[in-house]
Amino acid sequence: MEHESTEEETLAFLIAEMIILDMDESWSIEKLAIMNQTHTKKLKGIFKKYIGMPAAAFRISIRMEKARQLLLDTTLPIQDISIQVGYANPANFSTLFKRKMGVSPKILRKGSGIRPESK
């Protein structure tokens, strides 16, 4: 039984790493299950058990944290940041960012004192 838990834990962290390293990929749980030769329902349970949240929520969380970091540490325009973290539509990105982080990307950046690059 312990062996199975170790394999499950390894799988959960492997998938988390895939999501982190390729965050602009739209990883669906179905795609991840096929790639890892397991069932979708089983993978959902494993991921939530070891990572603490569903894979989709984890992916959004990782993307939003990376965007926050880029907004605070770079002068990249918000549109470029949006694309870099996997959102082709900057308006959708900004709406989701505000909902998840409690402040819009523009306001966060303005508060940081960083001025974006001009295009």
PDB file of N, CA and C in Angstrom:
ATOM      1  N   MET A   1       0.826  -1.198   0.000  1.00  0.00           N
ATOM      2  CA  MET A   1       0.000   0.000   0.000  1.00  0.00           C
ATOM      3  C   MET A   1       0.872   1.264   0.000  1.00  0.00           C
ATOM      4  N   GLU A   2       1.940   1.259   0.782  1.00  0.00           N
ATOM      5  CA  GLU A   2       2.827   2.422   0.839  1.00  0.00           C
ATOM      6  C   GLU A   2       3.466   2.678  -0.518  1.00  0.00           C
ATOM      7  N   HIS A   3       3.786   1.613  -1.249  1.00  0.00           N
ATOM      8  CA  HIS A   3       4.379   1.720  -2.576  1.00  0.00           C
ATOM      9  C   HIS A   3       3.445   2.479  -3.521  1.00  0.00           C
ATOM     10  N   GLU A   4       2.128   2.176  -3.436  1.00  0.00           N
ATOM     11  CA  GLU A   4       1.146   2.846  -4.277  1.00  0.00           C
ATOM     12  C   GLU A   4       1.084   4.330  -3.944  1.00  0.00           C
ATOM     13  N   SER A   5       1.118   4.669  -2.664  1.00  0.00           N
ATOM     14  CA  SER A   5       1.096   6.073  -2.259  1.00  0.00           C
ATOM     15  C   SER A   5       2.307   6.821  -2.801  1.00  0.00           C
ATOM     16  N   THR A   6       3.460   6.195  -2.766  1.00  0.00           N
ATOM     17  CA  THR A   6       4.672   6.823  -3.289  1.00  0.00           C
ATOM     18  C   THR A   6       4.543   7.064  -4.787  1.00  0.00           C
ATOM     19  N   GLU A   7       4.007   6.077  -5.524  1.00  0.00           N
ATOM     20  CA  GLU A   7       3.803   6.249  -6.965  1.00  0.00           C
ATOM     21  C   GLU A   7       2.798   7.357  -7.240  1.00  0.00           C
ATOM     22  N   GLU A   8       1.734   7.401  -6.460  1.00  0.00           N
ATOM     23  CA  GLU A   8       0.723   8.442  -6.632  1.00  0.00           C
ATOM     24  C   GLU A   8       1.307   9.823  -6.339  1.00  0.00           C
ATOM     25  N   GLU A   9       2.060   9.913  -5.270  1.00  0.00           N
ATOM     26  CA  GLU A   9       2.667  11.189  -4.902  1.00  0.00           C
ATOM     27  C   GLU A   9       3.625  11.651  -5.996  1.00  0.00           C
ATOM     28  N   THR A  10       4.432  10.730  -6.503  1.00  0.00           N
ATOM     29  CA  THR A  10       5.361  11.052  -7.594  1.00  0.00           C
ATOM     30  C   THR A  10       4.603  11.545  -8.815  1.00  0.00           C
ATOM     31  N   LEU A  11       3.509  10.874  -9.149  1.00  0.00           N
ATOM     32  CA  LEU A  11       2.696  11.277 -10.293  1.00  0.00           C
ATOM     33  C   LEU A  11       2.122  12.680 -10.083  1.00  0.00           C
ATOM     34  N   ALA A  12       1.589  12.941  -8.916  1.00  0.00           N
ATOM     35  CA  ALA A  12       1.004  14.257  -8.628  1.00  0.00           C
ATOM     36  C   ALA A  12       2.056  15.362  -8.780  1.00  0.00           C
ATOM     37  N   PHE A  13       3.235  15.145  -8.243  1.00  0.00           N
ATOM     38  CA  PHE A  13       4.273  16.178  -8.322  1.00  0.00           C
ATOM     39  C   PHE A  13       4.860  16.286  -9.721  1.00  0.00           C
ATOM     40  N   LEU A  14       4.887  15.189 -10.470  1.00  0.00           N
ATOM     41  CA  LEU A  14       5.327  15.225 -11.863  1.00  0.00           C
ATOM     42  C   LEU A  14       4.372  16.089 -12.685  1.00  0.00           C
ATOM     43  N   ILE A  15       3.089  15.892 -12.492  1.00  0.00           N
ATOM     44  CA  ILE A  15       2.096  16.677 -13.224  1.00  0.00           C
ATOM     45  C   ILE A  15       2.151  18.142 -12.802  1.00  0.00           C
ATOM     46  N   ALA A  16       2.299  18.395 -11.521  1.00  0.00           N
ATOM     47  CA  ALA A  16       2.438  19.782 -11.050  1.00  0.00           C
ATOM     48  C   ALA A  16       3.643  20.444 -11.711  1.00  0.00           C
ATOM     49  N   GLU A  17       4.739  19.716 -11.805  1.00  0.00           N
ATOM     50  CA  GLU A  17       5.941  20.249 -12.444  1.00  0.00           C
ATOM     51  C   GLU A  17       5.700  20.528 -13.927  1.00  0.00           C
ATOM     52  N   MET A  18       4.977  19.649 -14.605  1.00  0.00           N
ATOM     53  CA  MET A  18       4.653  19.871 -16.016  1.00  0.00           C
ATOM     54  C   MET A  18       3.862  21.162 -16.178  1.00  0.00           C
ATOM     55  N   ILE A  19       2.901  21.367 -15.302  1.00  0.00           N
ATOM     56  CA  ILE A  19       2.064  22.571 -15.356  1.00  0.00           C
ATOM     57  C   ILE A  19       2.911  23.822 -15.107  1.00  0.00           C
ATOM     58  N   ILE A  20       3.802  23.753 -14.150  1.00  0.00           N
ATOM     59  CA  ILE A  20       4.658  24.892 -13.817  1.00  0.00           C
ATOM     60  C   ILE A  20       5.618  25.219 -14.962  1.00  0.00           C
ATOM     61  N   LEU A  21       6.239  24.200 -15.529  1.00  0.00           N
ATOM     62  CA  LEU A  21       7.250  24.420 -16.558  1.00  0.00           C
ATOM     63  C   LEU A  21       6.668  24.842 -17.907  1.00  0.00           C
ATOM     64  N   ASP A  22       5.417  24.483 -18.158  1.00  0.00           N
ATOM     65  CA  ASP A  22       4.802  24.818 -19.447  1.00  0.00           C
ATOM     66  C   ASP A  22       3.428  25.425 -19.191  1.00  0.00           C
ATOM     67  N   MET A  23       3.410  26.561 -18.498  1.00  0.00           N
ATOM     68  CA  MET A  23       2.147  27.114 -18.045  1.00  0.00           C
ATOM     69  C   MET A  23       1.275  27.664 -19.158  1.00  0.00           C
ATOM     70  N   ASP A  24       1.850  27.942 -20.331  1.00  0.00           N
ATOM     71  CA  ASP A  24       0.998  28.435 -21.410  1.00  0.00           C
ATOM     72  C   ASP A  24       0.299  27.302 -22.155  1.00  0.00           C
ATOM     73  N   GLU A  25       0.669  26.070 -21.868  1.00  0.00           N
ATOM     74  CA  GLU A  25      -0.026  24.904 -22.425  1.00  0.00           C
ATOM     75  C   GLU A  25      -1.370  24.766 -21.715  1.00  0.00           C
ATOM     76  N   SER A  26      -2.414  24.464 -22.464  1.00  0.00           N
ATOM     77  CA  SER A  26      -3.713  24.288 -21.794  1.00  0.00           C
ATOM     78  C   SER A  26      -3.877  22.816 -21.415  1.00  0.00           C
ATOM     79  N   TRP A  27      -3.272  22.489 -20.282  1.00  0.00           N
ATOM     80  CA  TRP A  27      -3.317  21.128 -19.774  1.00  0.00           C
ATOM     81  C   TRP A  27      -4.713  20.803 -19.267  1.00  0.00           C
ATOM     82  N   SER A  28      -5.380  19.868 -19.899  1.00  0.00           N
ATOM     83  CA  SER A  28      -6.651  19.392 -19.350  1.00  0.00           C
ATOM     84  C   SER A  28      -6.348  18.136 -18.543  1.00  0.00           C
ATOM     85  N   ILE A  29      -7.203  17.842 -17.590  1.00  0.00           N
ATOM     86  CA  ILE A  29      -7.000  16.647 -16.777  1.00  0.00           C
ATOM     87  C   ILE A  29      -7.095  15.406 -17.659  1.00  0.00           C
ATOM     88  N   GLU A  30      -7.920  15.471 -18.688  1.00  0.00           N
ATOM     89  CA  GLU A  30      -8.050  14.350 -19.616  1.00  0.00           C
ATOM     90  C   GLU A  30      -6.737  14.110 -20.366  1.00  0.00           C
ATOM     91  N   LYS A  31      -6.148  15.179 -20.859  1.00  0.00           N
ATOM     92  CA  LYS A  31      -4.872  15.090 -21.583  1.00  0.00           C
ATOM     93  C   LYS A  31      -3.769  14.552 -20.664  1.00  0.00           C
ATOM     94  N   LEU A  32      -3.727  15.060 -19.447  1.00  0.00           N
ATOM     95  CA  LEU A  32      -2.722  14.609 -18.481  1.00  0.00           C
ATOM     96  C   LEU A  32      -2.921  13.140 -18.123  1.00  0.00           C
ATOM     97  N   ALA A  33      -4.167  12.713 -18.004  1.00  0.00           N
ATOM     98  CA  ALA A  33      -4.459  11.312 -17.691  1.00  0.00           C
ATOM     99  C   ALA A  33      -3.991  10.405 -18.824  1.00  0.00           C
ATOM    100  N   ILE A  34      -4.276  10.790 -20.054  1.00  0.00           N
ATOM    101  CA  ILE A  34      -3.844   9.987 -21.209  1.00  0.00           C
ATOM    102  C   ILE A  34      -2.323   9.910 -21.255  1.00  0.00           C
ATOM    103  N   MET A  35      -1.668  11.046 -21.075  1.00  0.00           N
ATOM    104  CA  MET A  35      -0.199  11.075 -21.119  1.00  0.00           C
ATOM    105  C   MET A  35       0.423  10.188 -20.042  1.00  0.00           C
ATOM    106  N   ASN A  36      -0.272  10.050 -18.923  1.00  0.00           N
ATOM    107  CA  ASN A  36       0.269   9.292 -17.798  1.00  0.00           C
ATOM    108  C   ASN A  36      -0.408   7.941 -17.630  1.00  0.00           C
ATOM    109  N   GLN A  37      -1.138   7.532 -18.648  1.00  0.00           N
ATOM    110  CA  GLN A  37      -1.761   6.213 -18.714  1.00  0.00           C
ATOM    111  C   GLN A  37      -2.565   5.871 -17.457  1.00  0.00           C
ATOM    112  N   THR A  38      -3.461   6.782 -17.107  1.00  0.00           N
ATOM    113  CA  THR A  38      -4.346   6.547 -15.978  1.00  0.00           C
ATOM    114  C   THR A  38      -5.725   7.095 -16.310  1.00  0.00           C
ATOM    115  N   HIS A  39      -6.663   6.875 -15.437  1.00  0.00           N
ATOM    116  CA  HIS A  39      -8.026   7.351 -15.646  1.00  0.00           C
ATOM    117  C   HIS A  39      -8.177   8.766 -15.102  1.00  0.00           C
ATOM    118  N   THR A  40      -8.996   9.534 -15.783  1.00  0.00           N
ATOM    119  CA  THR A  40      -9.222  10.930 -15.402  1.00  0.00           C
ATOM    120  C   THR A  40      -9.664  11.062 -13.951  1.00  0.00           C
ATOM    121  N   LYS A  41     -10.654  10.285 -13.560  1.00  0.00           N
ATOM    122  CA  LYS A  41     -11.188  10.383 -12.194  1.00  0.00           C
ATOM    123  C   LYS A  41     -10.111  10.054 -11.160  1.00  0.00           C
ATOM    124  N   LYS A  42      -9.325   9.040 -11.430  1.00  0.00           N
ATOM    125  CA  LYS A  42      -8.250   8.659 -10.503  1.00  0.00           C
ATOM    126  C   LYS A  42      -7.211   9.778 -10.401  1.00  0.00           C
ATOM    127  N   LEU A  43      -6.835  10.341 -11.551  1.00  0.00           N
ATOM    128  CA  LEU A  43      -5.835  11.403 -11.561  1.00  0.00           C
ATOM    129  C   LEU A  43      -6.332  12.639 -10.812  1.00  0.00           C
ATOM    130  N   LYS A  44      -7.604  12.970 -10.981  1.00  0.00           N
ATOM    131  CA  LYS A  44      -8.171  14.106 -10.245  1.00  0.00           C
ATOM    132  C   LYS A  44      -8.002  13.912  -8.740  1.00  0.00           C
ATOM    133  N   GLY A  45      -8.319  12.718  -8.276  1.00  0.00           N
ATOM    134  CA  GLY A  45      -8.211  12.427  -6.852  1.00  0.00           C
ATOM    135  C   GLY A  45      -6.783  12.459  -6.351  1.00  0.00           C
ATOM    136  N   ILE A  46      -5.874  11.871  -7.123  1.00  0.00           N
ATOM    137  CA  ILE A  46      -4.447  11.851  -6.750  1.00  0.00           C
ATOM    138  C   ILE A  46      -3.908  13.274  -6.674  1.00  0.00           C
ATOM    139  N   PHE A  47      -4.195  14.073  -7.691  1.00  0.00           N
ATOM    140  CA  PHE A  47      -3.661  15.434  -7.733  1.00  0.00           C
ATOM    141  C   PHE A  47      -4.166  16.246  -6.539  1.00  0.00           C
ATOM    142  N   LYS A  48      -5.462  16.173  -6.298  1.00  0.00           N
ATOM    143  CA  LYS A  48      -6.029  16.938  -5.183  1.00  0.00           C
ATOM    144  C   LYS A  48      -5.482  16.452  -3.841  1.00  0.00           C
ATOM    145  N   LYS A  49      -5.298  15.152  -3.695  1.00  0.00           N
ATOM    146  CA  LYS A  49      -4.792  14.585  -2.443  1.00  0.00           C
ATOM    147  C   LYS A  49      -3.393  15.098  -2.119  1.00  0.00           C
ATOM    148  N   TYR A  50      -2.513  15.133  -3.104  1.00  0.00           N
ATOM    149  CA  TYR A  50      -1.114  15.481  -2.837  1.00  0.00           C
ATOM    150  C   TYR A  50      -0.774  16.952  -3.065  1.00  0.00           C
ATOM    151  N   ILE A  51      -1.521  17.630  -3.929  1.00  0.00           N
ATOM    152  CA  ILE A  51      -1.225  19.039  -4.209  1.00  0.00           C
ATOM    153  C   ILE A  51      -2.162  19.955  -3.428  1.00  0.00           C
ATOM    154  N   GLY A  52      -3.329  19.448  -3.059  1.00  0.00           N
ATOM    155  CA  GLY A  52      -4.234  20.203  -2.207  1.00  0.00           C
ATOM    156  C   GLY A  52      -5.314  20.975  -2.932  1.00  0.00           C
ATOM    157  N   MET A  53      -5.357  20.861  -4.249  1.00  0.00           N
ATOM    158  CA  MET A  53      -6.386  21.535  -5.035  1.00  0.00           C
ATOM    159  C   MET A  53      -6.498  20.836  -6.385  1.00  0.00           C
ATOM    160  N   PRO A  54      -7.609  21.042  -7.090  1.00  0.00           N
ATOM    161  CA  PRO A  54      -7.728  20.454  -8.428  1.00  0.00           C
ATOM    162  C   PRO A  54      -6.657  21.002  -9.377  1.00  0.00           C
ATOM    163  N   ALA A  55      -6.319  20.222 -10.391  1.00  0.00           N
ATOM    164  CA  ALA A  55      -5.275  20.621 -11.347  1.00  0.00           C
ATOM    165  C   ALA A  55      -5.594  21.948 -12.027  1.00  0.00           C
ATOM    166  N   ALA A  56      -6.842  22.165 -12.399  1.00  0.00           N
ATOM    167  CA  ALA A  56      -7.210  23.421 -13.070  1.00  0.00           C
ATOM    168  C   ALA A  56      -6.988  24.619 -12.150  1.00  0.00           C
ATOM    169  N   ALA A  57      -7.359  24.484 -10.896  1.00  0.00           N
ATOM    170  CA  ALA A  57      -7.146  25.568  -9.932  1.00  0.00           C
ATOM    171  C   ALA A  57      -5.651  25.800  -9.706  1.00  0.00           C
ATOM    172  N   PHE A  58      -4.882  24.714  -9.681  1.00  0.00           N
ATOM    173  CA  PHE A  58      -3.430  24.824  -9.516  1.00  0.00           C
ATOM    174  C   PHE A  58      -2.827  25.587 -10.692  1.00  0.00           C
ATOM    175  N   ARG A  59      -3.270  25.240 -11.906  1.00  0.00           N
ATOM    176  CA  ARG A  59      -2.742  25.900 -13.104  1.00  0.00           C
ATOM    177  C   ARG A  59      -3.031  27.397 -13.056  1.00  0.00           C
ATOM    178  N   ILE A  60      -4.242  27.762 -12.691  1.00  0.00           N
ATOM    179  CA  ILE A  60      -4.595  29.185 -12.588  1.00  0.00           C
ATOM    180  C   ILE A  60      -3.762  29.863 -11.513  1.00  0.00           C
ATOM    181  N   SER A  61      -3.603  29.216 -10.380  1.00  0.00           N
ATOM    182  CA  SER A  61      -2.817  29.773  -9.279  1.00  0.00           C
ATOM    183  C   SER A  61      -1.371  30.034  -9.702  1.00  0.00           C
ATOM    184  N   ILE A  62      -0.781  29.083 -10.382  1.00  0.00           N
ATOM    185  CA  ILE A  62       0.601  29.217 -10.866  1.00  0.00           C
ATOM    186  C   ILE A  62       0.699  30.369 -11.864  1.00  0.00           C
ATOM    187  N   ARG A  63      -0.242  30.436 -12.786  1.00  0.00           N
ATOM    188  CA  ARG A  63      -0.241  31.500 -13.785  1.00  0.00           C
ATOM    189  C   ARG A  63      -0.377  32.880 -13.135  1.00  0.00           C
ATOM    190  N   MET A  64      -1.286  32.999 -12.172  1.00  0.00           N
ATOM    191  CA  MET A  64      -1.517  34.294 -11.524  1.00  0.00           C
ATOM    192  C   MET A  64      -0.297  34.726 -10.707  1.00  0.00           C
ATOM    193  N   GLU A  65       0.338  33.784 -10.035  1.00  0.00           N
ATOM    194  CA  GLU A  65       1.530  34.121  -9.249  1.00  0.00           C
ATOM    195  C   GLU A  65       2.681  34.555 -10.159  1.00  0.00           C
ATOM    196  N   LYS A  66       2.848  33.867 -11.285  1.00  0.00           N
ATOM    197  CA  LYS A  66       3.890  34.248 -12.248  1.00  0.00           C
ATOM    198  C   LYS A  66       3.587  35.640 -12.814  1.00  0.00           C
ATOM    199  N   ALA A  67       2.323  35.895 -13.125  1.00  0.00           N
ATOM    200  CA  ALA A  67       1.942  37.212 -13.644  1.00  0.00           C
ATOM    201  C   ALA A  67       2.223  38.295 -12.609  1.00  0.00           C
ATOM    202  N   ARG A  68       1.882  38.031 -11.351  1.00  0.00           N
ATOM    203  CA  ARG A  68       2.145  39.001 -10.271  1.00  0.00           C
ATOM    204  C   ARG A  68       3.631  39.310 -10.191  1.00  0.00           C
ATOM    205  N   GLN A  69       4.435  38.250 -10.270  1.00  0.00           N
ATOM    206  CA  GLN A  69       5.890  38.422 -10.219  1.00  0.00           C
ATOM    207  C   GLN A  69       6.376  39.272 -11.398  1.00  0.00           C
ATOM    208  N   LEU A  70       5.882  38.993 -12.587  1.00  0.00           N
ATOM    209  CA  LEU A  70       6.297  39.760 -13.764  1.00  0.00           C
ATOM    210  C   LEU A  70       5.827  41.211 -13.685  1.00  0.00           C
ATOM    211  N   LEU A  71       4.638  41.425 -13.165  1.00  0.00           N
ATOM    212  CA  LEU A  71       4.132  42.799 -13.019  1.00  0.00           C
ATOM    213  C   LEU A  71       4.991  43.606 -12.058  1.00  0.00           C
ATOM    214  N   LEU A  72       5.446  42.963 -10.995  1.00  0.00           N
ATOM    215  CA  LEU A  72       6.215  43.669  -9.972  1.00  0.00           C
ATOM    216  C   LEU A  72       7.707  43.776 -10.295  1.00  0.00           C
ATOM    217  N   ASP A  73       8.224  42.827 -11.073  1.00  0.00           N
ATOM    218  CA  ASP A  73       9.676  42.762 -11.288  1.00  0.00           C
ATOM    219  C   ASP A  73      10.151  43.156 -12.677  1.00  0.00           C
ATOM    220  N   THR A  74       9.215  43.380 -13.614  1.00  0.00           N
ATOM    221  CA  THR A  74       9.634  43.713 -14.977  1.00  0.00           C
ATOM    222  C   THR A  74       8.876  44.929 -15.475  1.00  0.00           C
ATOM    223  N   THR A  75       9.280  45.397 -16.632  1.00  0.00           N
ATOM    224  CA  THR A  75       8.569  46.494 -17.282  1.00  0.00           C
ATOM    225  C   THR A  75       7.765  45.997 -18.484  1.00  0.00           C
ATOM    226  N   LEU A  76       7.599  44.688 -18.598  1.00  0.00           N
ATOM    227  CA  LEU A  76       6.829  44.134 -19.710  1.00  0.00           C
ATOM    228  C   LEU A  76       5.401  44.680 -19.691  1.00  0.00           C
ATOM    229  N   PRO A  77       4.866  45.008 -20.860  1.00  0.00           N
ATOM    230  CA  PRO A  77       3.464  45.437 -20.919  1.00  0.00           C
ATOM    231  C   PRO A  77       2.528  44.307 -20.452  1.00  0.00           C
ATOM    232  N   ILE A  78       1.393  44.686 -19.900  1.00  0.00           N
ATOM    233  CA  ILE A  78       0.435  43.704 -19.387  1.00  0.00           C
ATOM    234  C   ILE A  78       0.020  42.725 -20.484  1.00  0.00           C
ATOM    235  N   GLN A  79      -0.136  43.200 -21.701  1.00  0.00           N
ATOM    236  CA  GLN A  79      -0.508  42.322 -22.818  1.00  0.00           C
ATOM    237  C   GLN A  79       0.545  41.225 -23.004  1.00  0.00           C
ATOM    238  N   ASP A  80       1.809  41.571 -22.928  1.00  0.00           N
ATOM    239  CA  ASP A  80       2.879  40.581 -23.075  1.00  0.00           C
ATOM    240  C   ASP A  80       2.888  39.593 -21.907  1.00  0.00           C
ATOM    241  N   ILE A  81       2.649  40.100 -20.715  1.00  0.00           N
ATOM    242  CA  ILE A  81       2.595  39.234 -19.535  1.00  0.00           C
ATOM    243  C   ILE A  81       1.443  38.250 -19.681  1.00  0.00           C
ATOM    244  N   SER A  82       0.318  38.746 -20.127  1.00  0.00           N
ATOM    245  CA  SER A  82      -0.858  37.904 -20.355  1.00  0.00           C
ATOM    246  C   SER A  82      -0.511  36.722 -21.260  1.00  0.00           C
ATOM    247  N   ILE A  83       0.130  37.002 -22.349  1.00  0.00           N
ATOM    248  CA  ILE A  83       0.513  35.950 -23.302  1.00  0.00           C
ATOM    249  C   ILE A  83       1.548  35.025 -22.687  1.00  0.00           C
ATOM    250  N   GLN A  84       2.510  35.574 -21.979  1.00  0.00           N
ATOM    251  CA  GLN A  84       3.575  34.776 -21.377  1.00  0.00           C
ATOM    252  C   GLN A  84       3.052  33.768 -20.361  1.00  0.00           C
ATOM    253  N   VAL A  85       1.956  34.094 -19.684  1.00  0.00           N
ATOM    254  CA  VAL A  85       1.406  33.164 -18.692  1.00  0.00           C
ATOM    255  C   VAL A  85       0.228  32.356 -19.243  1.00  0.00           C
ATOM    256  N   GLY A  86       0.015  32.420 -20.558  1.00  0.00           N
ATOM    257  CA  GLY A  86      -0.938  31.516 -21.176  1.00  0.00           C
ATOM    258  C   GLY A  86      -2.307  32.060 -21.498  1.00  0.00           C
ATOM    259  N   TYR A  87      -2.471  33.379 -21.485  1.00  0.00           N
ATOM    260  CA  TYR A  87      -3.760  33.978 -21.815  1.00  0.00           C
ATOM    261  C   TYR A  87      -3.624  34.823 -23.074  1.00  0.00           C
ATOM    262  N   ALA A  88      -4.246  34.389 -24.161  1.00  0.00           N
ATOM    263  CA  ALA A  88      -4.153  35.103 -25.433  1.00  0.00           C
ATOM    264  C   ALA A  88      -4.934  36.414 -25.391  1.00  0.00           C
ATOM    265  N   ASN A  89      -5.972  36.466 -24.574  1.00  0.00           N
ATOM    266  CA  ASN A  89      -6.814  37.651 -24.495  1.00  0.00           C
ATOM    267  C   ASN A  89      -6.482  38.428 -23.213  1.00  0.00           C
ATOM    268  N   PRO A  90      -5.838  39.591 -23.349  1.00  0.00           N
ATOM    269  CA  PRO A  90      -5.459  40.372 -22.164  1.00  0.00           C
ATOM    270  C   PRO A  90      -6.646  40.798 -21.288  1.00  0.00           C
ATOM    271  N   ALA A  91      -7.808  41.023 -21.896  1.00  0.00           N
ATOM    272  CA  ALA A  91      -8.985  41.411 -21.101  1.00  0.00           C
ATOM    273  C   ALA A  91      -9.425  40.255 -20.208  1.00  0.00           C
ATOM    274  N   ASN A  92      -9.440  39.040 -20.755  1.00  0.00           N
ATOM    275  CA  ASN A  92      -9.784  37.869 -19.943  1.00  0.00           C
ATOM    276  C   ASN A  92      -8.766  37.675 -18.821  1.00  0.00           C
ATOM    277  N   PHE A  93      -7.496  37.853 -19.163  1.00  0.00           N
ATOM    278  CA  PHE A  93      -6.431  37.739 -18.163  1.00  0.00           C
ATOM    279  C   PHE A  93      -6.647  38.747 -17.039  1.00  0.00           C
ATOM    280  N   SER A  94      -6.887  40.011 -17.397  1.00  0.00           N
ATOM    281  CA  SER A  94      -7.042  41.062 -16.393  1.00  0.00           C
ATOM    282  C   SER A  94      -8.242  40.802 -15.482  1.00  0.00           C
ATOM    283  N   THR A  95      -9.341  40.329 -16.065  1.00  0.00           N
ATOM    284  CA  THR A  95     -10.533  40.013 -15.272  1.00  0.00           C
ATOM    285  C   THR A  95     -10.243  38.899 -14.278  1.00  0.00           C
ATOM    286  N   LEU A  96      -9.623  37.832 -14.748  1.00  0.00           N
ATOM    287  CA  LEU A  96      -9.302  36.704 -13.874  1.00  0.00           C
ATOM    288  C   LEU A  96      -8.271  37.105 -12.819  1.00  0.00           C
ATOM    289  N   PHE A  97      -7.272  37.875 -13.223  1.00  0.00           N
ATOM    290  CA  PHE A  97      -6.250  38.331 -12.283  1.00  0.00           C
ATOM    291  C   PHE A  97      -6.902  39.118 -11.142  1.00  0.00           C
ATOM    292  N   LYS A  98      -7.794  40.043 -11.487  1.00  0.00           N
ATOM    293  CA  LYS A  98      -8.451  40.851 -10.463  1.00  0.00           C
ATOM    294  C   LYS A  98      -9.298  39.974  -9.538  1.00  0.00           C
ATOM    295  N   ARG A  99      -9.997  39.002 -10.116  1.00  0.00           N
ATOM    296  CA  ARG A  99     -10.838  38.121  -9.304  1.00  0.00           C
ATOM    297  C   ARG A  99      -9.992  37.279  -8.353  1.00  0.00           C
ATOM    298  N   LYS A 100      -8.853  36.781  -8.824  1.00  0.00           N
ATOM    299  CA  LYS A 100      -8.025  35.891  -8.011  1.00  0.00           C
ATOM    300  C   LYS A 100      -7.102  36.641  -7.055  1.00  0.00           C
ATOM    301  N   MET A 101      -6.585  37.789  -7.472  1.00  0.00           N
ATOM    302  CA  MET A 101      -5.575  38.497  -6.688  1.00  0.00           C
ATOM    303  C   MET A 101      -6.144  39.702  -5.923  1.00  0.00           C
ATOM    304  N   GLY A 102      -7.382  40.077  -6.226  1.00  0.00           N
ATOM    305  CA  GLY A 102      -8.022  41.153  -5.490  1.00  0.00           C
ATOM    306  C   GLY A 102      -7.697  42.554  -5.983  1.00  0.00           C
ATOM    307  N   VAL A 103      -6.912  42.636  -7.030  1.00  0.00           N
ATOM    308  CA  VAL A 103      -6.520  43.934  -7.588  1.00  0.00           C
ATOM    309  C   VAL A 103      -6.207  43.712  -9.069  1.00  0.00           C
ATOM    310  N   SER A 104      -6.473  44.722  -9.886  1.00  0.00           N
ATOM    311  CA  SER A 104      -6.200  44.570 -11.320  1.00  0.00           C
ATOM    312  C   SER A 104      -4.692  44.609 -11.574  1.00  0.00           C
ATOM    313  N   PRO A 105      -4.250  44.027 -12.685  1.00  0.00           N
ATOM    314  CA  PRO A 105      -2.820  44.090 -13.017  1.00  0.00           C
ATOM    315  C   PRO A 105      -2.307  45.526 -13.114  1.00  0.00           C
ATOM    316  N   LYS A 106      -3.119  46.390 -13.676  1.00  0.00           N
ATOM    317  CA  LYS A 106      -2.722  47.795 -13.842  1.00  0.00           C
ATOM    318  C   LYS A 106      -2.518  48.474 -12.490  1.00  0.00           C
ATOM    319  N   ILE A 107      -3.432  48.258 -11.568  1.00  0.00           N
ATOM    320  CA  ILE A 107      -3.326  48.861 -10.232  1.00  0.00           C
ATOM    321  C   ILE A 107      -2.143  48.271  -9.456  1.00  0.00           C
ATOM    322  N   LEU A 108      -1.954  46.967  -9.563  1.00  0.00           N
ATOM    323  CA  LEU A 108      -0.809  46.336  -8.890  1.00  0.00           C
ATOM    324  C   LEU A 108       0.491  46.943  -9.392  1.00  0.00           C
ATOM    325  N   ARG A 109       0.616  47.055 -10.687  1.00  0.00           N
ATOM    326  CA  ARG A 109       1.831  47.616 -11.265  1.00  0.00           C
ATOM    327  C   ARG A 109       1.986  49.073 -10.861  1.00  0.00           C
ATOM    328  N   LYS A 110       0.916  49.849 -10.906  1.00  0.00           N
ATOM    329  CA  LYS A 110       0.973  51.265 -10.547  1.00  0.00           C
ATOM    330  C   LYS A 110       1.470  51.430  -9.110  1.00  0.00           C
ATOM    331  N   GLY A 111       0.989  50.560  -8.220  1.00  0.00           N
ATOM    332  CA  GLY A 111       1.408  50.605  -6.824  1.00  0.00           C
ATOM    333  C   GLY A 111       2.862  50.227  -6.628  1.00  0.00           C
ATOM    334  N   SER A 112       3.416  49.482  -7.586  1.00  0.00           N
ATOM    335  CA  SER A 112       4.808  49.047  -7.470  1.00  0.00           C
ATOM    336  C   SER A 112       5.782  50.127  -7.925  1.00  0.00           C
ATOM    337  N   GLY A 113       5.265  51.118  -8.671  1.00  0.00           N
ATOM    338  CA  GLY A 113       6.129  52.182  -9.178  1.00  0.00           C
ATOM    339  C   GLY A 113       6.875  51.822 -10.444  1.00  0.00           C
ATOM    340  N   ILE A 114       6.640  50.627 -10.985  1.00  0.00           N
ATOM    341  CA  ILE A 114       7.304  50.196 -12.226  1.00  0.00           C
ATOM    342  C   ILE A 114       6.515  50.698 -13.417  1.00  0.00           C
ATOM    343  N   ARG A 115       7.195  51.319 -14.328  1.00  0.00           N
ATOM    344  CA  ARG A 115       6.546  51.809 -15.552  1.00  0.00           C
ATOM    345  C   ARG A 115       6.777  50.802 -16.674  1.00  0.00           C
ATOM    346  N   PRO A 116       5.685  50.424 -17.382  1.00  0.00           N
ATOM    347  CA  PRO A 116       5.832  49.441 -18.457  1.00  0.00           C
ATOM    348  C   PRO A 116       6.605  50.002 -19.646  1.00  0.00           C
ATOM    349  N   GLU A 117       7.201  49.087 -20.407  1.00  0.00           N
ATOM    350  CA  GLU A 117       7.904  49.457 -21.631  1.00  0.00           C
ATOM    351  C   GLU A 117       6.905  49.991 -22.636  1.00  0.00           C
ATOM    352  N   SER A 118       7.327  50.887 -23.470  1.00  0.00           N
ATOM    353  CA  SER A 118       6.491  51.349 -24.591  1.00  0.00           C
ATOM    354  C   SER A 118       6.760  50.452 -25.773  1.00  0.00           C
ATOM    355  N   LYS A 119       5.734  50.255 -26.570  1.00  0.00           N
ATOM    356  CA  LYS A 119       5.912  49.420 -27.768  1.00  0.00           C
ATOM    357  C   LYS A 119       6.130  50.260 -28.989  1.00  0.00           C
TER     358      LYS A 119
END
